[in-house]
Amino acid sequence: MVGKHLQHTSFIAQPDDDRSIDYHYDAPGTLPGTLSIPKDAEPPVIVLIDYNSDSAVRFEVEQPEDCARYLDTDSVSWVDVKGLGSEDILIRIGRVFGLHPLVLEDVVNVPQRPKVEEYGDQILIIARMVVLKESGSGFYSEQVSFILGKHYLLTVQEEPEHDCFHMVRDRIRSAKGTICKRGADYLAYALLDAIIDGFFPILEVYGEEIEELEDEVVASPTRQTLEKIHALKRELLTLRRSIWPLRDAINSLVRDSSPELVNDDVRIYLRDCYDHTVQVLDMVETYRELAASLMDVYLSSVSNRMNEIMKVLTVISTIFIPLTFVAGVYGMNFNPEKSPLNMPELNWYWGYPVCLAVMIAIAVSLVLFFKRKGWFEDFSTTIKK
């Protein structure tokens, strides 16, 4: 029976992307081991790759029970399950591999925090895989679960369309490198290494995006710039949530895993994998700091731009204030016939041209004064912007 779950929050990594990570929490009182299948989950597709130093075969498995005869052979069996859309098939897979109910719950109830746990003769490894989109902007994110046995490796992915394991599959098919001469623990390392290496192309894209945003923030910040900064910060937070716990999980795999399941020579490779994880985490943290500083630069740029606008308005207002005063004085209703003090120039023949000449002289004098002080140059620069 599928347990009821409470949706806590949804984290969207890109505003124009339909991809989101929904975090679910078990309802109070849910039995341990209860499976919660996402409504939009794809039907499972089971692909088995069985290989040794001499040969490799790959085929799609129709029934989970067909995998049983490959688990205790001397060759390495990689059973790749893509999709979580059938509770019955997943339960049958759990029976074939002898999975603990809590293991199956962690595999099916996504997303889980990346971790490593040992269950007798099996090791559960949960990681988060990110794959760069075909458009070159944004990424797909999904959970990948590993169940490592003595001669087999079971991987479970959320959906069948995107992963970063194609290079490992090619190495097995073409028998390149040492992967076909190694055991299941080396295969687990190779897949984890592929997951971690998948972060680097994404971070390279974000590094270029940050440089473009820096230029945009300084030159012409807009409301869209602010939205881009917020989107970038959310995406980097998603990457951080994926890689931070994975670093601790790999460290635990190196230090605490059973020597019967992870050989000492593979631990050396896992230490290199751990170094790559630390490198990715350092890059993510650096980019998050740069994204946070972009917000401060944006606010400073907006403030400076507002000051420049106010400077232009102040210069224009300062020039027109005395002109407005002159026009206001001569716009009053005085009668020069009543008194010689009541603006006799209203009856002058050249009164109007003289008034305009005075106003022009005042404006030109102020412009020359501002230019001598250097204010007019700042005004011209602001106008050009």
Protein backbone atom coordinates (compact mmCIF):
# COMPACT_ATOMS: atom_id res chain seq x y z
CA MET A 1 0.00 0.00 0.00
CA VAL A 2 1.34 3.38 -0.94
CA GLY A 3 1.68 5.64 2.12
CA LYS A 4 0.43 9.21 2.16
CA HIS A 5 3.08 11.89 2.00
CA LEU A 6 3.08 15.55 2.81
CA GLN A 7 4.66 17.88 0.27
CA HIS A 8 6.83 20.27 2.24
CA THR A 9 8.31 22.57 -0.38
CA SER A 10 9.30 22.80 -4.01
CA PHE A 11 12.71 24.09 -5.06
CA ILE A 12 12.92 25.37 -8.65
CA ALA A 13 16.42 25.69 -10.02
CA GLN A 14 15.59 27.83 -13.04
CA PRO A 15 12.62 30.17 -13.62
CA ASP A 16 12.03 29.18 -17.25
CA ASP A 17 12.50 25.50 -16.52
CA ASP A 18 9.83 22.97 -15.71
CA ARG A 19 12.23 20.95 -13.62
CA SER A 20 11.81 21.09 -9.85
CA ILE A 21 12.78 19.06 -6.81
CA ASP A 22 9.83 18.25 -4.58
CA TYR A 23 10.73 17.35 -1.04
CA HIS A 24 8.34 14.90 0.59
CA TYR A 25 8.08 13.88 4.20
CA ASP A 26 6.35 10.81 5.56
CA ALA A 27 3.02 11.48 7.19
CA PRO A 28 3.05 10.87 10.97
CA GLY A 29 2.49 7.19 11.73
CA THR A 30 3.66 5.85 8.36
CA LEU A 31 5.11 2.34 8.68
CA PRO A 32 8.86 1.98 8.06
CA GLY A 33 9.55 0.61 4.60
CA THR A 34 6.41 2.10 3.07
CA LEU A 35 6.95 2.95 -0.60
CA SER A 36 5.71 6.18 -2.10
CA ILE A 37 5.71 6.12 -5.89
CA PRO A 38 5.64 9.55 -7.57
CA LYS A 39 2.52 9.96 -9.70
CA ASP A 40 4.48 11.09 -12.74
CA ALA A 41 7.19 8.41 -12.45
CA GLU A 42 8.22 6.58 -15.60
CA PRO A 43 7.68 2.77 -15.83
CA PRO A 44 10.87 0.88 -14.90
CA VAL A 45 13.20 -0.31 -17.65
CA ILE A 46 15.72 -2.93 -16.49
CA VAL A 47 18.99 -3.25 -18.40
CA LEU A 48 21.56 -5.87 -17.39
CA ILE A 49 25.21 -5.72 -18.40
CA ASP A 50 27.22 -8.82 -17.51
CA TYR A 51 30.93 -8.68 -18.23
CA ASN A 52 34.36 -10.05 -17.42
CA SER A 53 37.83 -9.67 -18.91
CA ASP A 54 36.89 -11.75 -21.94
CA SER A 55 33.36 -10.72 -22.93
CA ALA A 56 30.44 -8.41 -22.17
CA VAL A 57 26.74 -8.82 -22.89
CA ARG A 58 23.98 -6.26 -22.60
CA PHE A 59 20.25 -6.92 -22.80
CA GLU A 60 16.95 -5.63 -21.48
CA VAL A 61 15.36 -7.73 -18.76
CA GLU A 62 11.60 -8.27 -18.93
CA GLN A 63 11.10 -9.87 -15.50
CA PRO A 64 13.14 -8.94 -12.38
CA GLU A 65 13.50 -12.65 -11.53
CA ASP A 66 15.61 -13.13 -14.66
CA CYS A 67 18.45 -11.26 -12.94
CA ALA A 68 18.83 -13.86 -10.16
CA ARG A 69 21.06 -16.27 -12.08
CA TYR A 70 23.60 -13.53 -12.81
CA LEU A 71 24.19 -12.42 -9.22
CA ASP A 72 26.44 -15.25 -7.98
CA THR A 73 28.64 -15.73 -11.02
CA ASP A 74 32.33 -14.84 -11.28
CA SER A 75 31.55 -12.07 -13.76
CA VAL A 76 30.34 -8.60 -12.78
CA SER A 77 26.63 -7.92 -13.24
CA TRP A 78 25.40 -4.36 -13.53
CA VAL A 79 21.62 -4.15 -13.26
CA ASP A 80 20.44 -0.67 -14.20
CA VAL A 81 16.82 0.15 -13.33
CA LYS A 82 15.53 3.34 -14.96
CA GLY A 83 12.20 4.60 -13.67
CA LEU A 84 10.17 4.24 -10.46
CA GLY A 85 6.68 3.93 -11.93
CA SER A 86 5.78 0.38 -10.79
CA GLU A 87 5.61 -0.60 -7.14
CA ASP A 88 5.17 -4.27 -8.03
CA ILE A 89 8.36 -4.44 -10.11
CA LEU A 90 10.35 -2.56 -7.48
CA ILE A 91 9.18 -4.93 -4.74
CA ARG A 92 10.12 -7.92 -6.91
CA ILE A 93 13.54 -6.39 -7.51
CA GLY A 94 13.92 -6.04 -3.76
CA ARG A 95 13.14 -9.75 -3.31
CA VAL A 96 15.59 -10.84 -6.00
CA PHE A 97 18.44 -8.82 -4.49
CA GLY A 98 17.40 -9.43 -0.88
CA LEU A 99 17.07 -5.74 -0.13
CA HIS A 100 16.21 -4.59 3.37
CA PRO A 101 12.79 -2.80 3.47
CA LEU A 102 14.51 0.42 4.56
CA VAL A 103 16.89 0.19 1.60
CA LEU A 104 14.00 -0.14 -0.81
CA GLU A 105 12.25 2.77 0.89
CA ASP A 106 15.31 5.02 0.48
CA VAL A 107 15.65 4.00 -3.17
CA VAL A 108 12.00 4.62 -4.07
CA ASN A 109 11.01 7.56 -1.85
CA VAL A 110 12.96 10.32 -3.59
CA PRO A 111 14.71 12.56 -2.99
CA GLN A 112 16.99 11.30 -0.24
CA ARG A 113 20.06 12.99 1.12
CA PRO A 114 23.24 11.53 -0.43
CA LYS A 115 24.62 8.95 2.00
CA VAL A 116 26.33 5.58 2.43
CA GLU A 117 24.92 2.81 4.60
CA GLU A 118 25.99 -0.79 5.00
CA TYR A 119 23.46 -3.62 5.28
CA GLY A 120 25.27 -6.89 5.87
CA ASP A 121 26.71 -8.03 2.54
CA GLN A 122 25.44 -4.95 0.71
CA ILE A 123 26.31 -1.24 0.66
CA LEU A 124 23.69 1.38 -0.15
CA ILE A 125 25.02 4.51 -1.85
CA ILE A 126 22.67 7.39 -2.67
CA ALA A 127 23.89 10.22 -4.87
CA ARG A 128 22.40 13.09 -6.82
CA MET A 129 23.23 13.24 -10.52
CA VAL A 130 23.09 16.43 -12.59
CA VAL A 131 23.25 16.48 -16.38
CA LEU A 132 23.69 19.59 -18.53
CA LYS A 133 20.74 20.30 -20.80
CA GLU A 134 21.06 19.99 -24.55
CA SER A 135 20.51 23.75 -24.88
CA GLY A 136 23.62 24.39 -22.80
CA SER A 137 21.66 26.27 -20.13
CA GLY A 138 20.24 24.64 -17.00
CA PHE A 139 20.50 21.03 -15.94
CA TYR A 140 18.52 17.91 -15.15
CA SER A 141 18.74 16.57 -11.61
CA GLU A 142 17.77 13.13 -10.36
CA GLN A 143 18.58 10.68 -7.60
CA VAL A 144 20.72 7.63 -8.33
CA SER A 145 20.86 4.75 -5.84
CA PHE A 146 23.60 2.11 -5.78
CA ILE A 147 23.34 -1.28 -4.08
CA LEU A 148 26.79 -2.82 -4.14
CA GLY A 149 27.19 -6.57 -3.66
CA LYS A 150 30.12 -8.92 -3.99
CA HIS A 151 29.69 -9.57 -7.70
CA TYR A 152 26.94 -7.20 -8.72
CA LEU A 153 25.88 -3.58 -8.70
CA LEU A 154 22.26 -2.49 -8.78
CA THR A 155 21.58 1.11 -9.82
CA VAL A 156 18.16 2.75 -9.69
CA GLN A 157 17.47 6.04 -11.50
CA GLU A 158 14.39 8.23 -11.34
CA GLU A 159 13.89 8.47 -15.08
CA PRO A 160 15.27 6.73 -18.17
CA GLU A 161 16.16 9.65 -20.42
CA HIS A 162 19.19 11.38 -18.96
CA ASP A 163 22.31 10.11 -17.22
CA CYS A 164 26.08 10.52 -17.45
CA PHE A 165 26.98 6.81 -17.57
CA HIS A 166 27.37 6.46 -21.34
CA MET A 167 31.17 6.66 -21.17
CA VAL A 168 31.28 3.83 -18.62
CA ARG A 169 29.01 1.73 -20.82
CA ASP A 170 31.27 2.41 -23.80
CA ARG A 171 34.34 1.34 -21.83
CA ILE A 172 32.67 -1.92 -20.88
CA ARG A 173 31.45 -2.60 -24.42
CA SER A 174 34.81 -1.88 -26.01
CA ALA A 175 36.79 -3.44 -23.11
CA LYS A 176 38.90 -0.29 -22.80
CA GLY A 177 40.87 0.42 -19.66
CA THR A 178 40.86 -1.87 -16.63
CA ILE A 179 37.16 -1.77 -15.81
CA CYS A 180 36.47 -5.21 -17.31
CA LYS A 181 39.29 -6.71 -15.24
CA ARG A 182 37.99 -5.25 -11.99
CA GLY A 183 35.12 -6.10 -9.70
CA ALA A 184 31.79 -4.52 -8.88
CA ASP A 185 33.41 -2.10 -6.42
CA TYR A 186 35.46 -0.57 -9.24
CA LEU A 187 32.31 -0.25 -11.33
CA ALA A 188 30.65 1.64 -8.46
CA TYR A 189 33.68 3.96 -8.32
CA ALA A 190 33.56 4.55 -12.09
CA LEU A 191 29.88 5.53 -11.95
CA LEU A 192 30.41 7.81 -8.93
CA ASP A 193 33.34 9.43 -10.70
CA ALA A 194 31.13 10.01 -13.76
CA ILE A 195 28.49 11.66 -11.56
CA ILE A 196 31.03 14.00 -9.97
CA ASP A 197 32.67 14.85 -13.29
CA GLY A 198 29.21 15.79 -14.57
CA PHE A 199 29.25 18.82 -12.27
CA PHE A 200 32.22 20.45 -14.03
CA PRO A 201 30.54 21.31 -17.38
CA ILE A 202 27.62 22.83 -15.47
CA LEU A 203 29.92 24.91 -13.28
CA GLU A 204 31.80 26.07 -16.38
CA VAL A 205 28.53 27.38 -17.82
CA TYR A 206 27.69 29.15 -14.57
CA GLY A 207 31.16 30.71 -14.43
CA GLU A 208 30.55 32.29 -17.84
CA GLU A 209 27.07 33.36 -16.78
CA ILE A 210 28.46 35.08 -13.68
CA GLU A 211 30.96 37.01 -15.83
CA GLU A 212 28.17 38.17 -18.13
CA LEU A 213 26.04 39.19 -15.16
CA GLU A 214 28.93 41.18 -13.69
CA ASP A 215 29.20 43.22 -16.90
CA GLU A 216 25.43 43.65 -17.07
CA VAL A 217 25.16 44.70 -13.43
CA VAL A 218 27.82 47.39 -13.83
CA ALA A 219 26.76 48.67 -17.26
CA SER A 220 22.96 48.53 -17.36
CA PRO A 221 21.21 46.82 -14.44
CA THR A 222 17.50 46.15 -14.92
CA ARG A 223 14.73 44.26 -13.19
CA GLN A 224 15.53 41.25 -15.36
CA THR A 225 19.11 41.36 -14.07
CA LEU A 226 17.84 41.01 -10.52
CA GLU A 227 15.72 38.00 -11.53
CA LYS A 228 18.75 36.38 -13.19
CA ILE A 229 20.78 36.81 -10.00
CA HIS A 230 18.06 35.21 -7.88
CA ALA A 231 17.74 32.31 -10.33
CA LEU A 232 21.50 31.80 -10.33
CA LYS A 233 21.61 31.70 -6.53
CA ARG A 234 18.84 29.09 -6.44
CA GLU A 235 20.59 26.91 -9.01
CA LEU A 236 23.88 27.06 -7.13
CA LEU A 237 22.05 26.16 -3.93
CA THR A 238 20.67 23.07 -5.70
CA LEU A 239 24.19 22.06 -6.71
CA ARG A 240 25.45 22.62 -3.19
CA ARG A 241 22.73 20.44 -1.72
CA SER A 242 23.75 17.71 -4.16
CA ILE A 243 27.52 17.78 -3.68
CA TRP A 244 27.95 18.70 0.00
CA PRO A 245 26.56 15.47 1.53
CA LEU A 246 28.08 13.41 -1.30
CA ARG A 247 31.52 14.48 -0.13
CA ASP A 248 30.84 13.04 3.33
CA ALA A 249 29.31 9.91 1.80
CA ILE A 250 32.40 9.16 -0.31
CA ASN A 251 34.64 9.85 2.67
CA SER A 252 32.62 7.32 4.66
CA LEU A 253 32.91 4.85 1.79
CA VAL A 254 36.70 5.22 1.83
CA ARG A 255 37.11 4.92 5.59
CA ASP A 256 34.34 2.71 6.93
CA SER A 257 33.17 0.39 4.15
CA SER A 258 33.64 -3.36 4.45
CA PRO A 259 36.93 -4.63 2.93
CA GLU A 260 35.01 -7.59 1.51
CA LEU A 261 32.93 -5.26 -0.66
CA VAL A 262 35.44 -2.46 -1.34
CA ASN A 263 39.02 -3.56 -1.95
CA ASP A 264 41.99 -1.51 -0.79
CA ASP A 265 43.11 -0.73 -4.36
CA VAL A 266 39.65 0.68 -5.13
CA ARG A 267 39.83 2.89 -2.03
CA ILE A 268 42.76 4.67 -3.67
CA TYR A 269 40.54 5.55 -6.62
CA LEU A 270 37.77 6.59 -4.25
CA ARG A 271 40.17 9.00 -2.53
CA ASP A 272 40.76 10.63 -5.91
CA CYS A 273 36.98 10.76 -6.33
CA TYR A 274 36.78 12.47 -2.94
CA ASP A 275 39.32 15.08 -4.09
CA HIS A 276 37.18 15.84 -7.14
CA THR A 277 34.17 16.25 -4.87
CA VAL A 278 36.04 18.76 -2.73
CA GLN A 279 37.09 20.62 -5.87
CA VAL A 280 33.49 20.81 -7.09
CA LEU A 281 32.33 21.99 -3.68
CA ASP A 282 34.98 24.73 -3.61
CA MET A 283 33.85 25.94 -7.03
CA VAL A 284 30.20 25.94 -5.97
CA GLU A 285 30.99 27.90 -2.81
CA THR A 286 33.08 30.40 -4.78
CA TYR A 287 30.30 30.94 -7.31
CA ARG A 288 27.74 31.32 -4.51
CA GLU A 289 29.88 34.07 -2.96
CA LEU A 290 30.20 35.78 -6.33
CA ALA A 291 26.44 35.54 -6.85
CA ALA A 292 25.86 37.06 -3.41
CA SER A 293 28.28 39.89 -4.19
CA LEU A 294 26.43 40.52 -7.47
CA MET A 295 23.42 41.58 -5.42
CA ASP A 296 25.49 44.21 -3.61
CA VAL A 297 26.93 45.41 -6.90
CA TYR A 298 23.42 45.57 -8.36
CA LEU A 299 22.17 47.74 -5.49
CA SER A 300 25.21 50.01 -5.78
CA SER A 301 24.77 50.34 -9.54
CA VAL A 302 21.09 51.19 -9.18
CA SER A 303 21.92 53.75 -6.49
CA ASN A 304 24.68 55.32 -8.61
CA ARG A 305 22.38 55.46 -11.61
CA MET A 306 19.73 57.17 -9.52
CA ASN A 307 22.32 59.69 -8.31
CA GLU A 308 23.30 60.43 -11.91
CA ILE A 309 19.66 60.99 -12.84
CA MET A 310 19.22 63.29 -9.86
CA LYS A 311 22.35 65.15 -10.91
CA VAL A 312 20.90 65.79 -14.38
CA LEU A 313 17.60 66.96 -12.94
CA THR A 314 19.39 69.20 -10.44
CA VAL A 315 21.49 70.88 -13.14
CA ILE A 316 18.43 71.47 -15.33
CA SER A 317 16.40 72.76 -12.38
CA THR A 318 19.21 75.08 -11.28
CA ILE A 319 19.34 76.65 -14.73
CA PHE A 320 15.60 77.16 -14.99
CA ILE A 321 14.96 78.41 -11.45
CA PRO A 322 16.16 82.01 -12.10
CA LEU A 323 14.43 82.00 -15.48
CA THR A 324 11.22 80.93 -13.82
CA PHE A 325 11.67 83.70 -11.26
CA VAL A 326 12.03 86.35 -13.97
CA ALA A 327 9.03 85.01 -15.88
CA GLY A 328 7.02 84.89 -12.67
CA VAL A 329 7.80 88.47 -11.74
CA TYR A 330 6.81 89.86 -15.13
CA GLY A 331 3.76 87.65 -15.19
CA MET A 332 2.21 89.55 -12.24
CA ASN A 333 -0.58 92.06 -12.90
CA PHE A 334 1.08 95.46 -12.25
CA ASN A 335 -0.26 98.73 -13.63
CA PRO A 336 2.58 101.15 -14.41
CA GLU A 337 0.07 104.02 -14.89
CA LYS A 338 -0.75 104.07 -11.17
CA SER A 339 2.82 104.47 -10.02
CA PRO A 340 6.28 104.77 -11.64
CA LEU A 341 7.39 101.98 -9.33
CA ASN A 342 4.88 99.50 -10.80
CA MET A 343 7.30 98.02 -13.36
CA PRO A 344 7.62 100.85 -15.87
CA GLU A 345 9.53 98.52 -18.20
CA LEU A 346 6.22 96.92 -19.10
CA ASN A 347 5.64 99.99 -21.34
CA TRP A 348 9.10 99.89 -22.94
CA TYR A 349 9.21 99.41 -26.68
CA TRP A 350 12.03 96.80 -26.37
CA GLY A 351 10.84 95.31 -23.06
CA TYR A 352 10.11 91.84 -24.33
CA PRO A 353 13.44 91.32 -26.22
CA VAL A 354 15.36 92.76 -23.26
CA CYS A 355 13.64 90.32 -20.88
CA LEU A 356 14.48 87.36 -23.15
CA ALA A 357 18.07 88.56 -23.48
CA VAL A 358 18.43 88.78 -19.70
CA MET A 359 17.03 85.29 -19.29
CA ILE A 360 19.41 83.89 -21.94
CA ALA A 361 22.34 85.67 -20.31
CA ILE A 362 21.46 84.13 -16.94
CA ALA A 363 21.23 80.64 -18.46
CA VAL A 364 24.54 81.00 -20.33
CA SER A 365 26.26 82.34 -17.20
CA LEU A 366 25.09 79.35 -15.16
CA VAL A 367 26.24 76.89 -17.85
CA LEU A 368 29.69 78.53 -17.95
CA PHE A 369 29.85 78.45 -14.18
CA PHE A 370 28.95 74.73 -14.07
CA LYS A 371 31.47 74.00 -16.80
CA ARG A 372 34.25 75.79 -14.90
CA LYS A 373 33.39 73.74 -11.81
CA GLY A 374 33.39 70.51 -13.84
CA TRP A 375 29.73 69.82 -13.20
CA PHE A 376 28.73 70.27 -16.81
CA GLU A 377 31.13 67.51 -17.94
CA ASP A 378 29.49 65.07 -15.53
CA PHE A 379 26.15 66.21 -16.87
CA SER A 380 27.21 65.50 -20.47
CA THR A 381 28.51 62.03 -19.53
CA THR A 382 25.25 61.20 -17.81
CA ILE A 383 23.22 62.36 -20.82
CA LYS A 384 25.27 60.11 -23.13
CA LYS A 385 24.59 57.10 -20.89
